């Protein structure tokens, strides 16, 4: 009987997972991530942002040849676990998350989970203070003191949120 209930619970969780509904109590930007979620890279399925250095397993200055298995590399750019990058001379020179709203994996910042559907204002508080980048066409961007740039739609509604690393000034 207990086995039957366990099987039912597993099936329920799997079906909720298939529909994108979480049954866990994941950390939010206001709560620290559990110790087991502090790892980054391919094995943990977590994407940790390290300002001026990396997003997940994709690091600025890293040779393209050293990317983890599963990375897709084209002539000028590539993707890995929802992370986009460009490369020049065989080394990664730009790294970003195209749209936080569509990320498949949890994103970590300073040991905390970044909510995928947080408002633009909340994200600017989390990564900021942030200043508007003037003169852009087709969208808005905010350069944040944390070492990233937040990009969004032209009206600033946050329908999509791009997270891009700023290069480390000492790099």
Protein backbone atom coordinates (compact mmCIF):
# COMPACT_ATOMS: atom_id res chain seq x y z
CA UNK A 1 0.00 0.00 0.00
CA UNK A 2 2.83 2.43 0.90
CA UNK A 3 4.56 1.61 -2.38
CA UNK A 4 1.36 2.48 -4.25
CA UNK A 5 1.22 5.92 -2.58
CA UNK A 6 4.90 6.51 -3.32
CA UNK A 7 4.34 5.65 -6.99
CA UNK A 8 1.33 7.99 -7.10
CA UNK A 9 3.39 10.81 -5.55
CA UNK A 10 6.20 10.32 -8.07
CA UNK A 11 3.77 10.29 -11.01
CA UNK A 12 2.09 13.46 -9.69
CA UNK A 13 5.44 15.25 -9.32
CA UNK A 14 6.53 14.16 -12.80
CA UNK A 15 3.32 15.38 -14.38
CA UNK A 16 3.55 18.71 -12.55
CA UNK A 17 7.16 18.99 -13.71
CA UNK A 18 6.07 18.35 -17.30
CA UNK A 19 3.64 21.27 -17.02
CA UNK A 20 6.30 23.51 -15.44
CA UNK A 21 4.75 23.58 -11.99
CA UNK A 22 7.16 23.21 -9.10
CA UNK A 23 6.30 21.33 -5.95
CA UNK A 24 9.53 22.22 -4.18
CA UNK A 25 10.16 25.22 -2.00
CA UNK A 26 13.04 26.70 -3.97
CA UNK A 27 14.99 29.65 -2.61
CA UNK A 28 14.08 33.06 -3.94
CA UNK A 29 16.14 36.21 -4.31
CA UNK A 30 15.28 36.96 -0.68
CA UNK A 31 16.33 33.52 0.55
CA UNK A 32 19.75 31.91 0.35
CA UNK A 33 20.08 28.85 -1.84
CA UNK A 34 20.73 25.58 -0.03
CA UNK A 35 24.33 24.40 0.07
CA UNK A 36 23.65 21.78 -2.61
CA UNK A 37 22.49 24.49 -5.03
CA UNK A 38 25.61 26.64 -4.78
CA UNK A 39 27.49 24.71 -7.47
CA UNK A 40 27.53 25.92 -11.05
CA UNK A 41 28.20 24.29 -14.36
CA UNK A 42 26.83 21.37 -16.29
CA UNK A 43 26.48 18.78 -13.56
CA UNK A 44 24.36 20.83 -11.17
CA UNK A 45 21.89 22.25 -13.74
CA UNK A 46 22.27 25.61 -12.00
CA UNK A 47 23.50 28.77 -13.68
CA UNK A 48 25.61 30.91 -11.36
CA UNK A 49 26.47 34.46 -12.38
CA UNK A 50 29.96 35.59 -11.37
CA UNK A 51 30.39 39.26 -12.29
CA UNK A 52 33.11 40.00 -14.82
CA UNK A 53 33.91 36.29 -15.10
CA UNK A 54 31.19 33.81 -16.06
CA UNK A 55 27.60 32.74 -16.36
CA UNK A 56 27.42 29.06 -15.49
CA UNK A 57 30.14 27.08 -17.22
CA UNK A 58 30.71 29.79 -19.86
CA UNK A 59 33.54 32.10 -18.79
CA UNK A 60 35.01 35.16 -20.46
CA UNK A 61 38.42 34.43 -21.98
CA UNK A 62 37.91 30.66 -21.92
CA UNK A 63 38.98 28.73 -25.03
CA UNK A 64 35.94 27.52 -26.95
CA UNK A 65 37.56 24.07 -27.14
CA UNK A 66 37.29 23.72 -23.35
CA UNK A 67 33.51 24.20 -23.18
CA UNK A 68 31.56 21.29 -21.65
CA UNK A 69 30.02 18.58 -23.78
CA UNK A 70 26.69 19.76 -25.16
CA UNK A 71 27.86 23.26 -26.06
CA UNK A 72 26.90 24.32 -29.58
CA UNK A 73 29.58 26.41 -31.25
CA UNK A 74 29.12 28.19 -34.58
CA UNK A 75 31.59 30.35 -36.51
CA UNK A 76 31.08 33.45 -34.33
CA UNK A 77 28.82 32.44 -31.46
CA UNK A 78 27.34 29.57 -29.50
CA UNK A 79 25.00 28.33 -26.78
CA UNK A 80 25.18 26.15 -23.70
CA UNK A 81 22.35 25.46 -21.22
CA UNK A 82 20.47 28.60 -22.31
CA UNK A 83 23.60 30.76 -22.10
CA UNK A 84 24.67 32.59 -25.26
CA UNK A 85 28.20 33.66 -26.10
CA UNK A 86 30.38 35.05 -28.85
CA UNK A 87 34.00 34.18 -29.46
CA UNK A 88 36.94 35.71 -31.26
CA UNK A 89 40.24 33.99 -31.92
CA UNK A 90 38.95 30.84 -30.24
CA UNK A 91 38.20 32.56 -26.90
CA UNK A 92 34.88 33.62 -25.42
CA UNK A 93 34.52 37.41 -25.43
CA UNK A 94 30.85 38.00 -24.52
CA UNK A 95 28.43 35.98 -22.35
CA UNK A 96 24.72 36.52 -21.66
CA UNK A 97 21.35 34.99 -20.86
CA UNK A 98 19.09 35.96 -23.74
CA UNK A 99 15.86 35.93 -21.74
CA UNK A 100 15.68 35.17 -18.02
CA UNK A 101 11.94 34.55 -18.47
CA UNK A 102 12.68 31.53 -20.69
CA UNK A 103 15.61 30.04 -18.76
CA UNK A 104 15.17 26.36 -18.12
CA UNK A 105 17.52 26.21 -15.14
CA UNK A 106 17.68 28.16 -11.86
CA UNK A 107 19.94 31.21 -11.99
CA UNK A 108 22.03 32.07 -8.94
CA UNK A 109 23.39 35.44 -7.96
CA UNK A 110 25.45 35.91 -4.78
CA UNK A 111 24.16 32.59 -3.42
CA UNK A 112 20.52 33.42 -4.05
CA UNK A 113 18.10 32.22 -6.70
CA UNK A 114 17.08 34.92 -9.19
CA UNK A 115 13.32 34.56 -9.80
CA UNK A 116 12.70 34.09 -13.53
CA UNK A 117 9.55 36.24 -13.43
CA UNK A 118 10.74 39.01 -11.10
CA UNK A 119 9.79 42.51 -12.18
CA UNK A 120 12.39 44.65 -13.93
CA UNK A 121 12.41 46.99 -10.94
CA UNK A 122 13.07 44.09 -8.54
CA UNK A 123 15.95 42.87 -10.73
CA UNK A 124 17.41 46.38 -10.87
CA UNK A 125 17.32 46.44 -7.06
CA UNK A 126 18.91 42.99 -6.88
CA UNK A 127 21.76 43.77 -9.31
CA UNK A 128 21.94 47.54 -8.79
CA UNK A 129 22.07 50.29 -8.45
CA UNK A 130 21.62 50.46 -12.22
CA UNK A 131 21.88 53.35 -14.67
CA UNK A 132 20.11 53.57 -18.04
CA UNK A 133 22.42 53.04 -21.02
CA UNK A 134 21.55 55.89 -23.43
CA UNK A 135 21.23 55.75 -27.21
CA UNK A 136 20.04 52.17 -27.78
CA UNK A 137 17.61 51.25 -30.51
CA UNK A 138 15.14 48.39 -30.23
CA UNK A 139 15.41 47.97 -26.49
CA UNK A 140 16.60 49.37 -23.18
CA UNK A 141 19.61 48.45 -21.08
CA UNK A 142 20.69 49.21 -17.55
CA UNK A 143 24.34 49.03 -16.49
CA UNK A 144 24.44 47.78 -12.92
CA UNK A 145 27.20 48.28 -10.35
CA UNK A 146 27.19 44.55 -9.72
CA UNK A 147 29.02 43.96 -13.00
CA UNK A 148 26.14 43.05 -15.30
CA UNK A 149 23.83 44.77 -17.75
CA UNK A 150 20.08 44.14 -17.75
CA UNK A 151 18.45 44.43 -21.16
CA UNK A 152 14.72 44.60 -21.82
CA UNK A 153 12.06 45.66 -24.31
CA UNK A 154 12.04 49.25 -25.58
CA UNK A 155 9.23 50.33 -23.22
CA UNK A 156 10.96 48.92 -20.14
CA UNK A 157 8.07 46.65 -19.22
CA UNK A 158 10.34 43.65 -18.60
CA UNK A 159 8.51 41.33 -21.00
CA UNK A 160 11.96 39.86 -21.57
CA UNK A 161 15.07 40.31 -19.48
CA UNK A 162 18.55 39.82 -20.84
CA UNK A 163 21.44 39.43 -18.38
CA UNK A 164 24.85 40.23 -19.87
CA UNK A 165 28.24 40.23 -18.17
CA UNK A 166 30.29 43.36 -18.16
CA UNK A 167 33.97 42.54 -18.66
CA UNK A 168 36.07 42.67 -15.50
CA UNK A 169 37.91 46.03 -15.68
CA UNK A 170 41.08 44.34 -14.40
CA UNK A 171 40.82 41.60 -17.05
